Amino acid sequence: MSTINSRFSRILTYTALTLSSGFLFSLLSFLVINLISGIPFGQISTELDNLNTEYNINLIKVLLFMNSFGLFVLPPLTFCYIFRLPIIDFFKLNEFRTIRLFPVLFLLFVLVLPILNFTVEWNKLLNLPDWLSDVETWMKTAEDSATEKTTALLRMNSYTDLFINLILVGLLPAVGEELAFRGVIQQTLIKHTTNPHWGIWGAAFIFSFIHFQFFGFLPRLLLGAFFGYLFFWSKSLWLPILGHFINNGSAVLISFYFKDNGIEEQIEQLGTSEETNYIPLISVTLFCGLLYYFKKQCDRLLI
């Protein structure tokens, strides 16, 4: 029994930390919004469903910032404090040799884009049995709501909006989610399963599931596994953080600079239209080859 308890103590502790911190910061975010806007607690969720005003969108940004901090940034740091783990060493933030592979990482993201686009379209074909029709309806409603909120958040009219979104959508999730999913969850799963692949894919599954966007589950799962292997091979959390920032930050930059000329839609359709349906196969081939090169370079640099 003591062996079982020690094996799962860190997992259970981290789960409890995440739930309690997420709940606390959710309450705090509602309190802040109440103080800023005067909206009663019971009406905040309903009021913020109105995405047609810039004021409401700014309130949602406050809510998103506090919830992201409470769910993904604070729990990993508290976890290290409780188990007396040195933050820099535990998260492998002191390994800089593999950061020189950043140009390779950037090319990998260029190649993975058509693959993710293809899996997005394939994932949208998900159809549940008739007896789960209510669940499917709920999933589609949640997906549409998330898409609507993301679109509203990415409406930017100034460089101030761009800077805020790069922090809120790009940097904060890149740091917080990598600390949580790769830094704590993946390392803990690898330690207790003694199998790096189980740990990497297990953390990627949780990473995708926790977003509650089930019609984008598969591409997010693959992206999470990609981040996981970046961390495992490079022995540094900096590369998955940079990769995560590239993924999220590029969406912000594209929405800001190319929102009116259709380039954003063309990028999203790359690899899914009849004219470009051959691109994912080429991308997979080149991506796997470059990923193998990346792994070998990591091995060489870490000797």
C-alpha atoms as a PDB file:
ATOM      1  CA  MET A   1       0.000   0.000   0.000  1.00  0.00           C
ATOM      2  CA  SER A   2       2.840   2.400   0.797  1.00  0.00           C
ATOM      3  CA  THR A   3       4.326   1.697  -2.644  1.00  0.00           C
ATOM      4  CA  ILE A   4       1.004   2.458  -4.317  1.00  0.00           C
ATOM      5  CA  ASN A   5       0.596   5.628  -2.276  1.00  0.00           C
ATOM      6  CA  SER A   6       4.084   6.873  -3.131  1.00  0.00           C
ATOM      7  CA  ARG A   7       3.570   6.019  -6.790  1.00  0.00           C
ATOM      8  CA  PHE A   8       0.419   8.075  -7.140  1.00  0.00           C
ATOM      9  CA  SER A   9       1.012  10.738  -4.503  1.00  0.00           C
ATOM     10  CA  ARG A  10       2.477  13.232  -6.940  1.00  0.00           C
ATOM     11  CA  ILE A  11      -0.255  12.668  -9.520  1.00  0.00           C
ATOM     12  CA  LEU A  12      -3.003  13.044  -6.915  1.00  0.00           C
ATOM     13  CA  THR A  13      -1.307  16.059  -5.357  1.00  0.00           C
ATOM     14  CA  TYR A  14      -0.951  17.803  -8.703  1.00  0.00           C
ATOM     15  CA  THR A  15      -4.579  17.046  -9.604  1.00  0.00           C
ATOM     16  CA  ALA A  16      -5.743  18.501  -6.278  1.00  0.00           C
ATOM     17  CA  LEU A  17      -3.537  21.571  -6.757  1.00  0.00           C
ATOM     18  CA  THR A  18      -4.905  22.197 -10.252  1.00  0.00           C
ATOM     19  CA  LEU A  19      -8.543  21.800  -9.226  1.00  0.00           C
ATOM     20  CA  SER A  20      -8.230  23.971  -6.128  1.00  0.00           C
ATOM     21  CA  SER A  21      -6.142  26.670  -7.817  1.00  0.00           C
ATOM     22  CA  GLY A  22      -8.425  26.698 -10.872  1.00  0.00           C
ATOM     23  CA  PHE A  23     -11.507  27.048  -8.665  1.00  0.00           C
ATOM     24  CA  LEU A  24      -9.914  29.807  -6.564  1.00  0.00           C
ATOM     25  CA  PHE A  25      -8.785  31.850  -9.551  1.00  0.00           C
ATOM     26  CA  SER A  26     -12.149  31.379 -11.242  1.00  0.00           C
ATOM     27  CA  LEU A  27     -13.783  32.985  -8.213  1.00  0.00           C
ATOM     28  CA  LEU A  28     -11.140  35.704  -8.113  1.00  0.00           C
ATOM     29  CA  SER A  29     -11.643  36.464 -11.809  1.00  0.00           C
ATOM     30  CA  PHE A  30     -15.399  36.868 -11.258  1.00  0.00           C
ATOM     31  CA  LEU A  31     -14.668  39.141  -8.294  1.00  0.00           C
ATOM     32  CA  VAL A  32     -12.309  41.304 -10.378  1.00  0.00           C
ATOM     33  CA  ILE A  33     -14.856  41.545 -13.209  1.00  0.00           C
ATOM     34  CA  ASN A  34     -17.542  42.438 -10.680  1.00  0.00           C
ATOM     35  CA  LEU A  35     -15.346  45.210  -9.255  1.00  0.00           C
ATOM     36  CA  ILE A  36     -14.420  46.512 -12.723  1.00  0.00           C
ATOM     37  CA  SER A  37     -17.805  46.377 -14.396  1.00  0.00           C
ATOM     38  CA  GLY A  38     -20.359  46.141 -11.611  1.00  0.00           C
ATOM     39  CA  ILE A  39     -21.948  43.091 -13.244  1.00  0.00           C
ATOM     40  CA  PRO A  40     -23.514  40.887 -10.517  1.00  0.00           C
ATOM     41  CA  PHE A  41     -21.810  37.517  -9.972  1.00  0.00           C
ATOM     42  CA  GLY A  42     -24.799  35.536 -11.202  1.00  0.00           C
ATOM     43  CA  GLN A  43     -24.979  37.465 -14.478  1.00  0.00           C
ATOM     44  CA  ILE A  44     -21.299  37.522 -15.474  1.00  0.00           C
ATOM     45  CA  SER A  45     -21.352  34.353 -17.604  1.00  0.00           C
ATOM     46  CA  THR A  46     -24.519  35.420 -19.415  1.00  0.00           C
ATOM     47  CA  GLU A  47     -23.291  38.989 -19.916  1.00  0.00           C
ATOM     48  CA  LEU A  48     -19.950  37.868 -21.354  1.00  0.00           C
ATOM     49  CA  ASP A  49     -21.716  35.687 -23.924  1.00  0.00           C
ATOM     50  CA  ASN A  50     -22.309  38.962 -25.767  1.00  0.00           C
ATOM     51  CA  LEU A  51     -19.190  39.235 -27.919  1.00  0.00           C
ATOM     52  CA  ASN A  52     -20.292  42.269 -29.911  1.00  0.00           C
ATOM     53  CA  THR A  53     -18.735  44.884 -27.646  1.00  0.00           C
ATOM     54  CA  GLU A  54     -15.021  45.555 -27.214  1.00  0.00           C
ATOM     55  CA  TYR A  55     -15.644  46.148 -23.506  1.00  0.00           C
ATOM     56  CA  ASN A  56     -16.945  42.613 -23.011  1.00  0.00           C
ATOM     57  CA  ILE A  57     -14.046  41.159 -24.984  1.00  0.00           C
ATOM     58  CA  ASN A  58     -11.616  42.995 -22.705  1.00  0.00           C
ATOM     59  CA  LEU A  59     -13.411  41.527 -19.685  1.00  0.00           C
ATOM     60  CA  ILE A  60     -13.073  38.058 -21.227  1.00  0.00           C
ATOM     61  CA  LYS A  61      -9.338  38.689 -21.589  1.00  0.00           C
ATOM     62  CA  VAL A  62      -9.118  39.450 -17.868  1.00  0.00           C
ATOM     63  CA  LEU A  63     -11.028  36.239 -17.157  1.00  0.00           C
ATOM     64  CA  LEU A  64      -8.819  34.221 -19.506  1.00  0.00           C
ATOM     65  CA  PHE A  65      -5.587  35.596 -18.056  1.00  0.00           C
ATOM     66  CA  MET A  66      -6.516  34.812 -14.461  1.00  0.00           C
ATOM     67  CA  ASN A  67      -7.909  31.368 -15.250  1.00  0.00           C
ATOM     68  CA  SER A  68      -4.844  30.439 -17.319  1.00  0.00           C
ATOM     69  CA  PHE A  69      -2.543  31.538 -14.516  1.00  0.00           C
ATOM     70  CA  GLY A  70      -4.561  29.648 -11.911  1.00  0.00           C
ATOM     71  CA  LEU A  71      -4.823  26.432 -13.932  1.00  0.00           C
ATOM     72  CA  PHE A  72      -1.449  26.158 -15.628  1.00  0.00           C
ATOM     73  CA  VAL A  73       1.193  28.457 -14.107  1.00  0.00           C
ATOM     74  CA  LEU A  74       0.652  28.388 -10.355  1.00  0.00           C
ATOM     75  CA  PRO A  75       0.039  24.618  -9.834  1.00  0.00           C
ATOM     76  CA  PRO A  76       3.386  23.477 -11.356  1.00  0.00           C
ATOM     77  CA  LEU A  77       5.303  26.010  -9.253  1.00  0.00           C
ATOM     78  CA  THR A  78       3.404  25.016  -6.108  1.00  0.00           C
ATOM     79  CA  PHE A  79       4.005  21.354  -6.949  1.00  0.00           C
ATOM     80  CA  CYS A  80       7.748  21.978  -6.967  1.00  0.00           C
ATOM     81  CA  TYR A  81       7.526  23.808  -3.657  1.00  0.00           C
ATOM     82  CA  ILE A  82       5.598  20.984  -1.963  1.00  0.00           C
ATOM     83  CA  PHE A  83       7.947  18.231  -3.148  1.00  0.00           C
ATOM     84  CA  ARG A  84      11.063  20.387  -2.667  1.00  0.00           C
ATOM     85  CA  LEU A  85      11.994  20.221  -6.339  1.00  0.00           C
ATOM     86  CA  PRO A  86      14.337  22.934  -7.719  1.00  0.00           C
ATOM     87  CA  ILE A  87      12.251  24.672 -10.373  1.00  0.00           C
ATOM     88  CA  ILE A  88      15.061  25.331 -12.857  1.00  0.00           C
ATOM     89  CA  ASP A  89      16.437  21.789 -12.687  1.00  0.00           C
ATOM     90  CA  PHE A  90      13.092  19.981 -12.562  1.00  0.00           C
ATOM     91  CA  PHE A  91      11.705  21.744 -15.628  1.00  0.00           C
ATOM     92  CA  LYS A  92      15.094  21.508 -17.363  1.00  0.00           C
ATOM     93  CA  LEU A  93      15.255  25.248 -17.899  1.00  0.00           C
ATOM     94  CA  ASN A  94      19.028  25.169 -17.457  1.00  0.00           C
ATOM     95  CA  GLU A  95      19.660  23.259 -20.682  1.00  0.00           C
ATOM     96  CA  PHE A  96      20.479  25.646 -23.531  1.00  0.00           C
ATOM     97  CA  ARG A  97      22.596  23.547 -25.880  1.00  0.00           C
ATOM     98  CA  THR A  98      19.656  22.296 -27.950  1.00  0.00           C
ATOM     99  CA  ILE A  99      18.095  25.757 -28.352  1.00  0.00           C
ATOM    100  CA  ARG A 100      20.415  26.263 -31.322  1.00  0.00           C
ATOM    101  CA  LEU A 101      18.086  23.849 -33.164  1.00  0.00           C
ATOM    102  CA  PHE A 102      15.376  26.537 -33.224  1.00  0.00           C
ATOM    103  CA  PRO A 103      15.613  26.991 -37.050  1.00  0.00           C
ATOM    104  CA  VAL A 104      14.907  23.258 -37.435  1.00  0.00           C
ATOM    105  CA  LEU A 105      11.973  23.629 -35.045  1.00  0.00           C
ATOM    106  CA  PHE A 106      10.562  26.463 -37.139  1.00  0.00           C
ATOM    107  CA  LEU A 107      10.805  24.354 -40.319  1.00  0.00           C
ATOM    108  CA  LEU A 108       9.062  21.492 -38.520  1.00  0.00           C
ATOM    109  CA  PHE A 109       6.125  23.782 -37.776  1.00  0.00           C
ATOM    110  CA  VAL A 110       5.905  24.866 -41.402  1.00  0.00           C
ATOM    111  CA  LEU A 111       5.753  21.207 -42.424  1.00  0.00           C
ATOM    112  CA  VAL A 112       3.278  20.170 -39.725  1.00  0.00           C
ATOM    113  CA  LEU A 113       0.702  22.818 -40.696  1.00  0.00           C
ATOM    114  CA  PRO A 114      -0.855  20.926 -43.651  1.00  0.00           C
ATOM    115  CA  ILE A 115      -0.870  17.749 -41.552  1.00  0.00           C
ATOM    116  CA  LEU A 116      -2.785  19.458 -38.757  1.00  0.00           C
ATOM    117  CA  ASN A 117      -5.192  21.021 -41.270  1.00  0.00           C
ATOM    118  CA  PHE A 118      -5.901  17.581 -42.708  1.00  0.00           C
ATOM    119  CA  THR A 119      -6.520  16.057 -39.282  1.00  0.00           C
ATOM    120  CA  VAL A 120      -8.809  18.963 -38.377  1.00  0.00           C
ATOM    121  CA  GLU A 121     -11.011  18.170 -41.386  1.00  0.00           C
ATOM    122  CA  TRP A 122     -10.867  14.443 -40.646  1.00  0.00           C
ATOM    123  CA  ASN A 123     -11.764  15.027 -36.988  1.00  0.00           C
ATOM    124  CA  LYS A 124     -14.805  17.067 -38.049  1.00  0.00           C
ATOM    125  CA  LEU A 125     -16.256  13.907 -39.617  1.00  0.00           C
ATOM    126  CA  LEU A 126     -16.741  12.480 -36.125  1.00  0.00           C
ATOM    127  CA  ASN A 127     -20.246  11.058 -35.755  1.00  0.00           C
ATOM    128  CA  LEU A 128     -21.422   9.446 -32.536  1.00  0.00           C
ATOM    129  CA  PRO A 129     -24.109   6.726 -32.366  1.00  0.00           C
ATOM    130  CA  ASP A 130     -27.730   7.858 -32.201  1.00  0.00           C
ATOM    131  CA  TRP A 131     -27.969   7.047 -28.502  1.00  0.00           C
ATOM    132  CA  LEU A 132     -25.206   9.616 -27.915  1.00  0.00           C
ATOM    133  CA  SER A 133     -26.879  12.323 -30.009  1.00  0.00           C
ATOM    134  CA  ASP A 134     -27.293  14.608 -26.995  1.00  0.00           C
ATOM    135  CA  VAL A 135     -23.566  14.319 -26.245  1.00  0.00           C
ATOM    136  CA  GLU A 136     -22.717  15.092 -29.872  1.00  0.00           C
ATOM    137  CA  THR A 137     -25.000  18.139 -29.807  1.00  0.00           C
ATOM    138  CA  TRP A 138     -23.305  19.361 -26.625  1.00  0.00           C
ATOM    139  CA  MET A 139     -19.857  18.815 -28.187  1.00  0.00           C
ATOM    140  CA  LYS A 140     -20.803  20.785 -31.309  1.00  0.00           C
ATOM    141  CA  THR A 141     -22.300  23.598 -29.240  1.00  0.00           C
ATOM    142  CA  ALA A 142     -19.142  23.795 -27.109  1.00  0.00           C
ATOM    143  CA  GLU A 143     -16.961  23.766 -30.230  1.00  0.00           C
ATOM    144  CA  ASP A 144     -18.971  26.548 -31.886  1.00  0.00           C
ATOM    145  CA  SER A 145     -18.864  28.618 -28.697  1.00  0.00           C
ATOM    146  CA  ALA A 146     -15.091  28.202 -28.384  1.00  0.00           C
ATOM    147  CA  THR A 147     -14.596  29.128 -32.042  1.00  0.00           C
ATOM    148  CA  GLU A 148     -16.792  32.211 -31.661  1.00  0.00           C
ATOM    149  CA  LYS A 149     -14.867  33.376 -28.595  1.00  0.00           C
ATOM    150  CA  THR A 150     -11.504  32.769 -30.256  1.00  0.00           C
ATOM    151  CA  THR A 151     -12.591  34.762 -33.306  1.00  0.00           C
ATOM    152  CA  ALA A 152     -13.737  37.616 -31.069  1.00  0.00           C
ATOM    153  CA  LEU A 153     -10.477  37.594 -29.094  1.00  0.00           C
ATOM    154  CA  LEU A 154      -8.452  37.770 -32.296  1.00  0.00           C
ATOM    155  CA  ARG A 155     -10.236  40.901 -33.502  1.00  0.00           C
ATOM    156  CA  MET A 156      -7.472  43.490 -33.137  1.00  0.00           C
ATOM    157  CA  ASN A 157      -7.512  47.161 -34.089  1.00  0.00           C
ATOM    158  CA  SER A 158      -4.169  48.382 -32.761  1.00  0.00           C
ATOM    159  CA  TYR A 159      -0.654  47.279 -31.912  1.00  0.00           C
ATOM    160  CA  THR A 160      -1.693  47.398 -28.267  1.00  0.00           C
ATOM    161  CA  ASP A 161      -4.296  44.721 -29.009  1.00  0.00           C
ATOM    162  CA  LEU A 162      -1.641  42.723 -30.871  1.00  0.00           C
ATOM    163  CA  PHE A 163       0.794  42.917 -27.951  1.00  0.00           C
ATOM    164  CA  ILE A 164      -1.869  41.897 -25.410  1.00  0.00           C
ATOM    165  CA  ASN A 165      -2.953  38.928 -27.527  1.00  0.00           C
ATOM    166  CA  LEU A 166       0.622  37.785 -28.071  1.00  0.00           C
ATOM    167  CA  ILE A 167       0.959  37.655 -24.280  1.00  0.00           C
ATOM    168  CA  LEU A 168      -2.497  36.234 -23.584  1.00  0.00           C
ATOM    169  CA  VAL A 169      -2.861  33.764 -26.463  1.00  0.00           C
ATOM    170  CA  GLY A 170       0.796  33.171 -27.303  1.00  0.00           C
ATOM    171  CA  LEU A 171       3.167  33.493 -24.350  1.00  0.00           C
ATOM    172  CA  LEU A 172       1.003  32.636 -21.334  1.00  0.00           C
ATOM    173  CA  PRO A 173      -0.307  29.299 -22.705  1.00  0.00           C
ATOM    174  CA  ALA A 174       3.134  28.447 -24.099  1.00  0.00           C
ATOM    175  CA  VAL A 175       4.768  28.820 -20.692  1.00  0.00           C
ATOM    176  CA  GLY A 176       1.913  27.659 -18.466  1.00  0.00           C
ATOM    177  CA  GLU A 177       0.719  24.659 -20.466  1.00  0.00           C
ATOM    178  CA  GLU A 178       4.250  23.400 -21.083  1.00  0.00           C
ATOM    179  CA  LEU A 179       5.074  23.697 -17.375  1.00  0.00           C
ATOM    180  CA  ALA A 180       1.920  21.720 -16.611  1.00  0.00           C
ATOM    181  CA  PHE A 181       1.646  19.086 -19.340  1.00  0.00           C
ATOM    182  CA  ARG A 182       5.248  18.440 -20.329  1.00  0.00           C
ATOM    183  CA  GLY A 183       6.998  19.660 -17.186  1.00  0.00           C
ATOM    184  CA  VAL A 184       4.864  17.971 -14.521  1.00  0.00           C
ATOM    185  CA  ILE A 185       2.423  15.504 -16.100  1.00  0.00           C
ATOM    186  CA  GLN A 186       4.691  14.014 -18.775  1.00  0.00           C
ATOM    187  CA  GLN A 187       7.694  13.665 -16.489  1.00  0.00           C
ATOM    188  CA  THR A 188       5.551  12.125 -13.750  1.00  0.00           C
ATOM    189  CA  LEU A 189       3.916   9.644 -16.139  1.00  0.00           C
ATOM    190  CA  ILE A 190       7.277   8.642 -17.611  1.00  0.00           C
ATOM    191  CA  LYS A 191       8.679   8.093 -14.130  1.00  0.00           C
ATOM    192  CA  HIS A 192       5.789   5.890 -13.016  1.00  0.00           C
ATOM    193  CA  THR A 193       5.273   3.952 -16.257  1.00  0.00           C
ATOM    194  CA  THR A 194       9.021   3.673 -17.038  1.00  0.00           C
ATOM    195  CA  ASN A 195       8.031   4.088 -20.681  1.00  0.00           C
ATOM    196  CA  PRO A 196       8.656   7.485 -22.324  1.00  0.00           C
ATOM    197  CA  HIS A 197       6.112   6.868 -25.078  1.00  0.00           C
ATOM    198  CA  TRP A 198       3.325   6.140 -22.578  1.00  0.00           C
ATOM    199  CA  GLY A 199       4.242   9.320 -20.721  1.00  0.00           C
ATOM    200  CA  ILE A 200       4.419  11.479 -23.839  1.00  0.00           C
ATOM    201  CA  TRP A 201       1.154  10.255 -25.360  1.00  0.00           C
ATOM    202  CA  GLY A 202      -0.605  10.177 -21.998  1.00  0.00           C
ATOM    203  CA  ALA A 203       0.276  13.813 -21.365  1.00  0.00           C
ATOM    204  CA  ALA A 204      -0.731  14.674 -24.949  1.00  0.00           C
ATOM    205  CA  PHE A 205      -4.110  12.984 -24.428  1.00  0.00           C
ATOM    206  CA  ILE A 206      -4.751  14.980 -21.244  1.00  0.00           C
ATOM    207  CA  PHE A 207      -3.524  18.149 -22.993  1.00  0.00           C
ATOM    208  CA  SER A 208      -6.030  17.672 -25.805  1.00  0.00           C
ATOM    209  CA  PHE A 209      -8.907  16.514 -23.610  1.00  0.00           C
ATOM    210  CA  ILE A 210      -8.614  19.394 -21.135  1.00  0.00           C
ATOM    211  CA  HIS A 211      -9.393  21.936 -23.882  1.00  0.00           C
ATOM    212  CA  PHE A 212     -12.888  20.411 -24.288  1.00  0.00           C
ATOM    213  CA  GLN A 213     -12.876  20.989 -28.047  1.00  0.00           C
ATOM    214  CA  PHE A 214     -13.565  17.461 -29.230  1.00  0.00           C
ATOM    215  CA  PHE A 215     -13.807  18.212 -32.941  1.00  0.00           C
ATOM    216  CA  GLY A 216     -10.206  19.389 -32.726  1.00  0.00           C
ATOM    217  CA  PHE A 217      -9.106  16.569 -30.428  1.00  0.00           C
ATOM    218  CA  LEU A 218      -6.921  14.668 -32.900  1.00  0.00           C
ATOM    219  CA  PRO A 219      -4.777  17.573 -34.183  1.00  0.00           C
ATOM    220  CA  ARG A 220      -4.283  18.829 -30.629  1.00  0.00           C
ATOM    221  CA  LEU A 221      -3.308  15.311 -29.534  1.00  0.00           C
ATOM    222  CA  LEU A 222      -0.682  15.126 -32.287  1.00  0.00           C
ATOM    223  CA  LEU A 223       0.560  18.604 -31.431  1.00  0.00           C
ATOM    224  CA  GLY A 224       0.839  17.660 -27.755  1.00  0.00           C
ATOM    225  CA  ALA A 225       2.825  14.533 -28.633  1.00  0.00           C
ATOM    226  CA  PHE A 226       5.090  16.640 -30.850  1.00  0.00           C
ATOM    227  CA  PHE A 227       5.785  18.995 -27.932  1.00  0.00           C
ATOM    228  CA  GLY A 228       6.374  15.961 -25.752  1.00  0.00           C
ATOM    229  CA  TYR A 229       9.038  14.484 -28.005  1.00  0.00           C
ATOM    230  CA  LEU A 230      10.675  17.901 -28.344  1.00  0.00           C
ATOM    231  CA  PHE A 231      11.013  17.989 -24.569  1.00  0.00           C
ATOM    232  CA  PHE A 232      12.135  14.387 -24.207  1.00  0.00           C
ATOM    233  CA  TRP A 233      14.790  14.561 -26.920  1.00  0.00           C
ATOM    234  CA  SER A 234      16.097  18.071 -26.241  1.00  0.00           C
ATOM    235  CA  LYS A 235      16.148  17.652 -22.425  1.00  0.00           C
ATOM    236  CA  SER A 236      15.005  21.277 -22.298  1.00  0.00           C
ATOM    237  CA  LEU A 237      11.557  22.779 -21.778  1.00  0.00           C
ATOM    238  CA  TRP A 238      12.590  25.814 -23.811  1.00  0.00           C
ATOM    239  CA  LEU A 239      12.018  24.140 -27.179  1.00  0.00           C
ATOM    240  CA  PRO A 240       8.416  23.010 -26.520  1.00  0.00           C
ATOM    241  CA  ILE A 241       7.734  26.457 -25.041  1.00  0.00           C
ATOM    242  CA  LEU A 242       9.116  28.078 -28.208  1.00  0.00           C
ATOM    243  CA  GLY A 243       7.180  25.626 -30.369  1.00  0.00           C
ATOM    244  CA  HIS A 244       3.959  26.291 -28.485  1.00  0.00           C
ATOM    245  CA  PHE A 245       4.509  30.035 -28.851  1.00  0.00           C
ATOM    246  CA  ILE A 246       5.122  29.670 -32.592  1.00  0.00           C
ATOM    247  CA  ASN A 247       1.877  27.721 -32.958  1.00  0.00           C
ATOM    248  CA  ASN A 248      -0.274  30.171 -30.986  1.00  0.00           C
ATOM    249  CA  GLY A 249       1.583  33.371 -31.800  1.00  0.00           C
ATOM    250  CA  SER A 250       1.483  32.757 -35.549  1.00  0.00           C
ATOM    251  CA  ALA A 251      -2.318  32.570 -35.377  1.00  0.00           C
ATOM    252  CA  VAL A 252      -2.363  35.966 -33.639  1.00  0.00           C
ATOM    253  CA  LEU A 253       0.032  37.548 -36.156  1.00  0.00           C
ATOM    254  CA  ILE A 254      -1.833  36.131 -39.161  1.00  0.00           C
ATOM    255  CA  SER A 255      -5.155  37.395 -37.789  1.00  0.00           C
ATOM    256  CA  PHE A 256      -3.681  40.869 -37.276  1.00  0.00           C
ATOM    257  CA  TYR A 257      -1.756  41.346 -40.508  1.00  0.00           C
ATOM    258  CA  PHE A 258      -3.819  39.308 -42.973  1.00  0.00           C
ATOM    259  CA  LYS A 259      -7.351  39.550 -41.607  1.00  0.00           C
ATOM    260  CA  ASP A 260      -8.817  41.259 -44.674  1.00  0.00           C
ATOM    261  CA  ASN A 261      -7.119  39.633 -47.666  1.00  0.00           C
ATOM    262  CA  GLY A 262      -8.146  35.972 -47.294  1.00  0.00           C
ATOM    263  CA  ILE A 263      -4.642  34.647 -46.583  1.00  0.00           C
ATOM    264  CA  GLU A 264      -5.784  33.315 -43.209  1.00  0.00           C
ATOM    265  CA  GLU A 265      -8.452  31.159 -44.889  1.00  0.00           C
ATOM    266  CA  GLN A 266      -5.963  29.948 -47.504  1.00  0.00           C
ATOM    267  CA  ILE A 267      -3.528  28.845 -44.809  1.00  0.00           C
ATOM    268  CA  GLU A 268      -6.312  26.997 -42.942  1.00  0.00           C
ATOM    269  CA  GLN A 269      -7.315  25.209 -46.160  1.00  0.00           C
ATOM    270  CA  LEU A 270      -3.761  24.231 -47.118  1.00  0.00           C
ATOM    271  CA  GLY A 271      -3.772  20.461 -47.518  1.00  0.00           C
ATOM    272  CA  THR A 272      -7.562  20.095 -47.405  1.00  0.00           C
ATOM    273  CA  SER A 273      -8.771  21.445 -50.767  1.00  0.00           C
ATOM    274  CA  GLU A 274      -8.790  19.384 -53.965  1.00  0.00           C
ATOM    275  CA  GLU A 275      -5.942  21.494 -55.352  1.00  0.00           C
ATOM    276  CA  THR A 276      -3.708  20.881 -52.319  1.00  0.00           C
ATOM    277  CA  ASN A 277      -4.787  17.416 -51.088  1.00  0.00           C
ATOM    278  CA  TYR A 278      -1.410  15.953 -52.076  1.00  0.00           C
ATOM    279  CA  ILE A 279       0.497  18.296 -49.745  1.00  0.00           C
ATOM    280  CA  PRO A 280      -0.151  16.416 -46.448  1.00  0.00           C
ATOM    281  CA  LEU A 281       1.552  13.284 -47.817  1.00  0.00           C
ATOM    282  CA  ILE A 282       4.608  15.294 -48.852  1.00  0.00           C
ATOM    283  CA  SER A 283       4.553  17.112 -45.509  1.00  0.00           C
ATOM    284  CA  VAL A 284       4.444  13.842 -43.530  1.00  0.00           C
ATOM    285  CA  THR A 285       7.445  12.492 -45.439  1.00  0.00           C
ATOM    286  CA  LEU A 286       9.539  15.635 -45.015  1.00  0.00           C
ATOM    287  CA  PHE A 287       8.385  16.131 -41.427  1.00  0.00           C
ATOM    288  CA  CYS A 288       9.404  12.616 -40.360  1.00  0.00           C
ATOM    289  CA  GLY A 289      12.791  13.019 -42.032  1.00  0.00           C
ATOM    290  CA  LEU A 290      13.428  16.387 -40.401  1.00  0.00           C
ATOM    291  CA  LEU A 291      12.197  15.104 -37.040  1.00  0.00           C
ATOM    292  CA  TYR A 292      14.687  12.234 -37.250  1.00  0.00           C
ATOM    293  CA  TYR A 293      17.417  14.769 -38.032  1.00  0.00           C
ATOM    294  CA  PHE A 294      16.291  16.857 -35.040  1.00  0.00           C
ATOM    295  CA  LYS A 295      16.553  13.842 -32.711  1.00  0.00           C
ATOM    296  CA  LYS A 296      20.030  12.949 -33.976  1.00  0.00           C
ATOM    297  CA  GLN A 297      21.211  16.530 -33.531  1.00  0.00           C
ATOM    298  CA  CYS A 298      19.867  16.556 -29.975  1.00  0.00           C
ATOM    299  CA  ASP A 299      21.772  13.348 -29.234  1.00  0.00           C
ATOM    300  CA  ARG A 300      24.941  14.872 -30.672  1.00  0.00           C
ATOM    301  CA  LEU A 301      24.619  18.143 -28.758  1.00  0.00           C
ATOM    302  CA  LEU A 302      23.890  16.420 -25.444  1.00  0.00           C
ATOM    303  CA  ILE A 303      26.898  14.095 -25.487  1.00  0.00           C
END
